[in-house]
Amino acid sequence: MNATSTVLKEGSKGAEVTKLQENLKKLNFYSGIVDGIFGAKTKEAVINFQKSQQLVADGIVGEKTWSKLNAIISDPRFDFRVINVQEFIKRAGIKATNPKAVAAQLFSGSEENDPASDEDISLTYTTRETAIIVYTVIGLGDDSVAAIRDRIELKSKQNKWEIIWVGQQYKCQPNRGHQGWSGVICS
């Protein structure tokens, strides 16, 4: 039986509960210890998640709750802070329209970054009409943000590429917030 078909409730234990707690933590519903034990804090997190998704808020994780949870977690845009496309284009000084040129422009415009930082850029064509650029800068000199990752989605319409969505994630400096990639701004 896999996690999506396992019914979980207060008192349940095991790997499925661990997965549930990890996913609820990623969504900022659960702040407790990931221990594989479905206790009162896990039940409260499940109820809050169910309410946010207009599900029956009974604290029992059945097929509908698993389905909603897995759909959110598997969304590639999950946990990115949405950035206004026009503001991003202006801030980044994007003049190019095709994905390779946009990626090159992002990378070449990085001279203003801290010289001690590391950069990575990837360009993936998910279809002939869709491209995704992921641009990451690690080792920022900022006192709260250790790294920033931009996800830029482009779509081709009538042989013309257009940026259709931009999201940003952050990794915080120690003691300044979350250490993993998240759309939550560091403190």
C-alpha atoms as a PDB file:
ATOM      1  CA  MET A   1       0.000   0.000   0.000  1.00  0.00           C
ATOM      2  CA  ASN A   2       1.479   3.396  -0.943  1.00  0.00           C
ATOM      3  CA  ALA A   3       1.218   6.637   1.004  1.00  0.00           C
ATOM      4  CA  THR A   4      -1.592   8.010  -1.148  1.00  0.00           C
ATOM      5  CA  SER A   5      -3.855   5.077  -0.361  1.00  0.00           C
ATOM      6  CA  THR A   6      -2.984   4.797   3.328  1.00  0.00           C
ATOM      7  CA  VAL A   7      -5.493   6.399   5.684  1.00  0.00           C
ATOM      8  CA  LEU A   8      -3.694   8.191   8.495  1.00  0.00           C
ATOM      9  CA  LYS A   9      -5.098   9.569  11.712  1.00  0.00           C
ATOM     10  CA  GLU A  10      -4.008  10.426  15.220  1.00  0.00           C
ATOM     11  CA  GLY A  11      -2.100   7.446  16.604  1.00  0.00           C
ATOM     12  CA  SER A  12      -0.735   6.310  13.209  1.00  0.00           C
ATOM     13  CA  LYS A  13       3.026   5.723  12.983  1.00  0.00           C
ATOM     14  CA  GLY A  14       5.576   5.000  10.301  1.00  0.00           C
ATOM     15  CA  ALA A  15       7.083   6.134   7.013  1.00  0.00           C
ATOM     16  CA  GLU A  16       3.754   7.408   5.652  1.00  0.00           C
ATOM     17  CA  VAL A  17       3.367   9.727   8.648  1.00  0.00           C
ATOM     18  CA  THR A  18       6.950  10.926   8.157  1.00  0.00           C
ATOM     19  CA  LYS A  19       6.142  11.779   4.512  1.00  0.00           C
ATOM     20  CA  LEU A  20       2.970  13.560   5.612  1.00  0.00           C
ATOM     21  CA  GLN A  21       4.833  15.611   8.228  1.00  0.00           C
ATOM     22  CA  GLU A  22       7.599  16.519   5.754  1.00  0.00           C
ATOM     23  CA  ASN A  23       5.080  17.694   3.160  1.00  0.00           C
ATOM     24  CA  LEU A  24       3.032  19.669   5.681  1.00  0.00           C
ATOM     25  CA  LYS A  25       6.273  21.265   6.887  1.00  0.00           C
ATOM     26  CA  LYS A  26       7.191  22.270   3.302  1.00  0.00           C
ATOM     27  CA  LEU A  27       3.807  23.963   3.061  1.00  0.00           C
ATOM     28  CA  ASN A  28       4.302  25.721   6.443  1.00  0.00           C
ATOM     29  CA  PHE A  29       1.388  23.934   8.101  1.00  0.00           C
ATOM     30  CA  TYR A  30       3.519  21.814  10.446  1.00  0.00           C
ATOM     31  CA  SER A  31       6.262  23.163  12.688  1.00  0.00           C
ATOM     32  CA  GLY A  32       6.791  20.143  14.916  1.00  0.00           C
ATOM     33  CA  ILE A  33       9.433  17.445  14.823  1.00  0.00           C
ATOM     34  CA  VAL A  34       9.281  15.035  11.873  1.00  0.00           C
ATOM     35  CA  ASP A  35       9.197  11.809  13.849  1.00  0.00           C
ATOM     36  CA  GLY A  36       6.713   9.562  12.047  1.00  0.00           C
ATOM     37  CA  ILE A  37       4.203   9.766  14.891  1.00  0.00           C
ATOM     38  CA  PHE A  38       0.769  11.247  14.131  1.00  0.00           C
ATOM     39  CA  GLY A  39       0.092  13.243  17.291  1.00  0.00           C
ATOM     40  CA  ALA A  40      -1.911  16.331  18.209  1.00  0.00           C
ATOM     41  CA  LYS A  41       0.391  18.761  16.320  1.00  0.00           C
ATOM     42  CA  THR A  42       0.191  16.672  13.154  1.00  0.00           C
ATOM     43  CA  LYS A  43      -3.603  16.471  13.470  1.00  0.00           C
ATOM     44  CA  GLU A  44      -3.817  20.252  13.903  1.00  0.00           C
ATOM     45  CA  ALA A  45      -1.617  20.746  10.810  1.00  0.00           C
ATOM     46  CA  VAL A  46      -3.784  18.348   8.781  1.00  0.00           C
ATOM     47  CA  ILE A  47      -6.969  20.161   9.834  1.00  0.00           C
ATOM     48  CA  ASN A  48      -5.484  23.543   8.880  1.00  0.00           C
ATOM     49  CA  PHE A  49      -4.345  22.152   5.515  1.00  0.00           C
ATOM     50  CA  GLN A  50      -7.781  20.615   4.892  1.00  0.00           C
ATOM     51  CA  LYS A  51      -9.487  23.937   5.712  1.00  0.00           C
ATOM     52  CA  SER A  52      -7.178  25.772   3.305  1.00  0.00           C
ATOM     53  CA  GLN A  53      -8.175  23.349   0.535  1.00  0.00           C
ATOM     54  CA  GLN A  54     -11.922  23.372   1.306  1.00  0.00           C
ATOM     55  CA  LEU A  55     -11.821  19.722   2.356  1.00  0.00           C
ATOM     56  CA  VAL A  56     -13.684  18.156   5.259  1.00  0.00           C
ATOM     57  CA  ALA A  57     -11.491  19.280   8.172  1.00  0.00           C
ATOM     58  CA  ASP A  58     -11.536  16.117  10.288  1.00  0.00           C
ATOM     59  CA  GLY A  59      -7.790  15.604  10.774  1.00  0.00           C
ATOM     60  CA  ILE A  60      -7.922  12.255   8.968  1.00  0.00           C
ATOM     61  CA  VAL A  61      -5.701  11.895   5.900  1.00  0.00           C
ATOM     62  CA  GLY A  62      -7.601   9.922   3.303  1.00  0.00           C
ATOM     63  CA  GLU A  63      -7.655   9.841  -0.484  1.00  0.00           C
ATOM     64  CA  LYS A  64      -8.852  13.453  -0.998  1.00  0.00           C
ATOM     65  CA  THR A  65      -6.333  14.953   1.424  1.00  0.00           C
ATOM     66  CA  TRP A  66      -3.460  12.908  -0.058  1.00  0.00           C
ATOM     67  CA  SER A  67      -4.542  13.934  -3.557  1.00  0.00           C
ATOM     68  CA  LYS A  68      -4.561  17.672  -2.748  1.00  0.00           C
ATOM     69  CA  LEU A  69      -1.288  17.449  -0.824  1.00  0.00           C
ATOM     70  CA  ASN A  70       0.521  15.542  -3.582  1.00  0.00           C
ATOM     71  CA  ALA A  71      -0.821  17.873  -6.291  1.00  0.00           C
ATOM     72  CA  ILE A  72       0.537  20.929  -4.489  1.00  0.00           C
ATOM     73  CA  ILE A  73       3.905  19.347  -3.650  1.00  0.00           C
ATOM     74  CA  SER A  74       4.427  18.056  -7.209  1.00  0.00           C
ATOM     75  CA  ASP A  75       3.746  21.465  -8.806  1.00  0.00           C
ATOM     76  CA  PRO A  76       7.122  22.721 -10.139  1.00  0.00           C
ATOM     77  CA  ARG A  77       6.120  26.267  -9.129  1.00  0.00           C
ATOM     78  CA  PHE A  78       5.554  25.099  -5.567  1.00  0.00           C
ATOM     79  CA  ASP A  79       7.338  27.157  -2.946  1.00  0.00           C
ATOM     80  CA  PHE A  80       8.407  29.965  -5.265  1.00  0.00           C
ATOM     81  CA  ARG A  81       7.533  33.559  -4.470  1.00  0.00           C
ATOM     82  CA  VAL A  82       5.757  34.886  -7.567  1.00  0.00           C
ATOM     83  CA  ILE A  83       7.506  37.877  -9.131  1.00  0.00           C
ATOM     84  CA  ASN A  84       5.730  40.320 -11.438  1.00  0.00           C
ATOM     85  CA  VAL A  85       6.994  39.518 -14.952  1.00  0.00           C
ATOM     86  CA  GLN A  86       7.240  43.142 -16.111  1.00  0.00           C
ATOM     87  CA  GLU A  87       9.069  44.194 -12.930  1.00  0.00           C
ATOM     88  CA  PHE A  88      11.505  41.284 -13.372  1.00  0.00           C
ATOM     89  CA  ILE A  89      12.182  42.205 -17.008  1.00  0.00           C
ATOM     90  CA  LYS A  90      12.837  45.821 -16.002  1.00  0.00           C
ATOM     91  CA  ARG A  91      14.979  44.974 -12.949  1.00  0.00           C
ATOM     92  CA  ALA A  92      17.043  42.377 -14.828  1.00  0.00           C
ATOM     93  CA  GLY A  93      17.292  44.613 -17.906  1.00  0.00           C
ATOM     94  CA  ILE A  94      16.037  41.849 -20.182  1.00  0.00           C
ATOM     95  CA  LYS A  95      16.036  42.955 -23.800  1.00  0.00           C
ATOM     96  CA  ALA A  96      16.219  39.526 -25.460  1.00  0.00           C
ATOM     97  CA  THR A  97      13.218  37.366 -26.214  1.00  0.00           C
ATOM     98  CA  ASN A  98      14.505  33.884 -27.064  1.00  0.00           C
ATOM     99  CA  PRO A  99      15.401  31.596 -24.129  1.00  0.00           C
ATOM    100  CA  LYS A 100      19.127  31.232 -24.916  1.00  0.00           C
ATOM    101  CA  ALA A 101      19.553  34.985 -25.215  1.00  0.00           C
ATOM    102  CA  VAL A 102      17.607  35.623 -21.994  1.00  0.00           C
ATOM    103  CA  ALA A 103      19.797  33.093 -20.154  1.00  0.00           C
ATOM    104  CA  ALA A 104      22.944  34.651 -21.591  1.00  0.00           C
ATOM    105  CA  GLN A 105      21.758  38.118 -20.626  1.00  0.00           C
ATOM    106  CA  LEU A 106      21.007  37.018 -17.041  1.00  0.00           C
ATOM    107  CA  PHE A 107      24.431  35.412 -16.738  1.00  0.00           C
ATOM    108  CA  SER A 108      26.313  38.309 -18.348  1.00  0.00           C
ATOM    109  CA  GLY A 109      24.508  40.835 -16.167  1.00  0.00           C
ATOM    110  CA  SER A 110      25.842  39.145 -13.058  1.00  0.00           C
ATOM    111  CA  GLU A 111      29.040  41.198 -12.755  1.00  0.00           C
ATOM    112  CA  GLU A 112      27.338  43.222 -10.027  1.00  0.00           C
ATOM    113  CA  ASN A 113      27.031  40.120  -7.821  1.00  0.00           C
ATOM    114  CA  ASP A 114      29.463  39.545  -4.982  1.00  0.00           C
ATOM    115  CA  PRO A 115      32.753  38.285  -6.496  1.00  0.00           C
ATOM    116  CA  ALA A 116      32.797  35.501  -3.903  1.00  0.00           C
ATOM    117  CA  SER A 117      29.420  34.167  -5.070  1.00  0.00           C
ATOM    118  CA  ASP A 118      28.881  31.134  -7.288  1.00  0.00           C
ATOM    119  CA  GLU A 119      26.404  31.163 -10.139  1.00  0.00           C
ATOM    120  CA  ASP A 120      24.600  28.456 -12.047  1.00  0.00           C
ATOM    121  CA  ILE A 121      22.197  28.749 -14.931  1.00  0.00           C
ATOM    122  CA  SER A 122      20.250  26.049 -16.727  1.00  0.00           C
ATOM    123  CA  LEU A 123      17.951  26.163 -19.702  1.00  0.00           C
ATOM    124  CA  THR A 124      15.503  23.344 -20.347  1.00  0.00           C
ATOM    125  CA  TYR A 125      13.064  23.042 -23.225  1.00  0.00           C
ATOM    126  CA  THR A 126      10.145  21.103 -21.759  1.00  0.00           C
ATOM    127  CA  THR A 127       8.378  21.226 -25.145  1.00  0.00           C
ATOM    128  CA  ARG A 128       9.124  22.942 -28.464  1.00  0.00           C
ATOM    129  CA  GLU A 129       7.041  25.885 -27.262  1.00  0.00           C
ATOM    130  CA  THR A 130       8.055  25.975 -23.581  1.00  0.00           C
ATOM    131  CA  ALA A 131      11.385  26.731 -21.915  1.00  0.00           C
ATOM    132  CA  ILE A 132      12.476  27.092 -18.298  1.00  0.00           C
ATOM    133  CA  ILE A 133      15.528  29.006 -17.118  1.00  0.00           C
ATOM    134  CA  VAL A 134      16.756  28.435 -13.561  1.00  0.00           C
ATOM    135  CA  TYR A 135      19.321  31.001 -12.445  1.00  0.00           C
ATOM    136  CA  THR A 136      20.955  30.479  -9.036  1.00  0.00           C
ATOM    137  CA  VAL A 137      23.378  32.695  -7.134  1.00  0.00           C
ATOM    138  CA  ILE A 138      24.942  31.171  -3.981  1.00  0.00           C
ATOM    139  CA  GLY A 139      27.222  32.893  -1.486  1.00  0.00           C
ATOM    140  CA  LEU A 140      25.694  36.348  -1.400  1.00  0.00           C
ATOM    141  CA  GLY A 141      27.258  38.961   0.838  1.00  0.00           C
ATOM    142  CA  ASP A 142      23.803  39.811   2.217  1.00  0.00           C
ATOM    143  CA  ASP A 143      23.440  39.445   5.994  1.00  0.00           C
ATOM    144  CA  SER A 144      20.180  37.501   5.743  1.00  0.00           C
ATOM    145  CA  VAL A 145      20.021  35.867   2.287  1.00  0.00           C
ATOM    146  CA  ALA A 146      22.664  33.244   1.461  1.00  0.00           C
ATOM    147  CA  ALA A 147      21.346  32.341  -2.009  1.00  0.00           C
ATOM    148  CA  ILE A 148      18.661  33.269  -4.546  1.00  0.00           C
ATOM    149  CA  ARG A 149      17.145  31.110  -7.284  1.00  0.00           C
ATOM    150  CA  ASP A 150      15.011  32.523 -10.105  1.00  0.00           C
ATOM    151  CA  ARG A 151      12.726  30.329 -12.231  1.00  0.00           C
ATOM    152  CA  ILE A 152      11.791  31.976 -15.511  1.00  0.00           C
ATOM    153  CA  GLU A 153       9.212  30.296 -17.744  1.00  0.00           C
ATOM    154  CA  LEU A 154       8.958  31.223 -21.420  1.00  0.00           C
ATOM    155  CA  LYS A 155       6.412  30.247 -24.037  1.00  0.00           C
ATOM    156  CA  SER A 156       6.579  30.563 -27.806  1.00  0.00           C
ATOM    157  CA  LYS A 157       3.531  31.971 -29.563  1.00  0.00           C
ATOM    158  CA  GLN A 158       3.675  32.309 -33.339  1.00  0.00           C
ATOM    159  CA  ASN A 159       7.499  31.985 -33.305  1.00  0.00           C
ATOM    160  CA  LYS A 160       7.886  34.733 -30.695  1.00  0.00           C
ATOM    161  CA  TRP A 161       9.091  33.894 -27.182  1.00  0.00           C
ATOM    162  CA  GLU A 162       7.537  35.585 -24.171  1.00  0.00           C
ATOM    163  CA  ILE A 163       8.332  35.389 -20.445  1.00  0.00           C
ATOM    164  CA  ILE A 164       5.071  34.167 -18.914  1.00  0.00           C
ATOM    165  CA  TRP A 165       6.001  33.487 -15.264  1.00  0.00           C
ATOM    166  CA  VAL A 166       8.812  34.291 -12.837  1.00  0.00           C
ATOM    167  CA  GLY A 167       9.305  32.897  -9.344  1.00  0.00           C
ATOM    168  CA  GLN A 168      12.033  33.297  -6.747  1.00  0.00           C
ATOM    169  CA  GLN A 169      13.331  31.165  -3.894  1.00  0.00           C
ATOM    170  CA  TYR A 170      15.753  31.966  -1.090  1.00  0.00           C
ATOM    171  CA  LYS A 171      18.154  30.200   1.235  1.00  0.00           C
ATOM    172  CA  CYS A 172      18.783  32.113   4.431  1.00  0.00           C
ATOM    173  CA  GLN A 173      22.004  32.712   6.323  1.00  0.00           C
ATOM    174  CA  PRO A 174      22.312  30.652   9.545  1.00  0.00           C
ATOM    175  CA  ASN A 175      19.961  31.941  12.254  1.00  0.00           C
ATOM    176  CA  ARG A 176      18.142  34.161   9.723  1.00  0.00           C
ATOM    177  CA  GLY A 177      15.392  31.735   8.690  1.00  0.00           C
ATOM    178  CA  HIS A 178      15.000  28.539   6.691  1.00  0.00           C
ATOM    179  CA  GLN A 179      18.104  26.781   5.372  1.00  0.00           C
ATOM    180  CA  GLY A 180      16.418  25.030   2.440  1.00  0.00           C
ATOM    181  CA  TRP A 181      15.028  26.602  -0.748  1.00  0.00           C
ATOM    182  CA  SER A 182      11.779  28.446  -0.038  1.00  0.00           C
ATOM    183  CA  GLY A 183       9.672  31.279  -1.368  1.00  0.00           C
ATOM    184  CA  VAL A 184       9.595  32.747   2.148  1.00  0.00           C
ATOM    185  CA  ILE A 185      11.797  35.843   2.426  1.00  0.00           C
ATOM    186  CA  CYS A 186      14.608  35.607   4.998  1.00  0.00           C
ATOM    187  CA  SER A 187      14.483  37.698   8.156  1.00  0.00           C
END
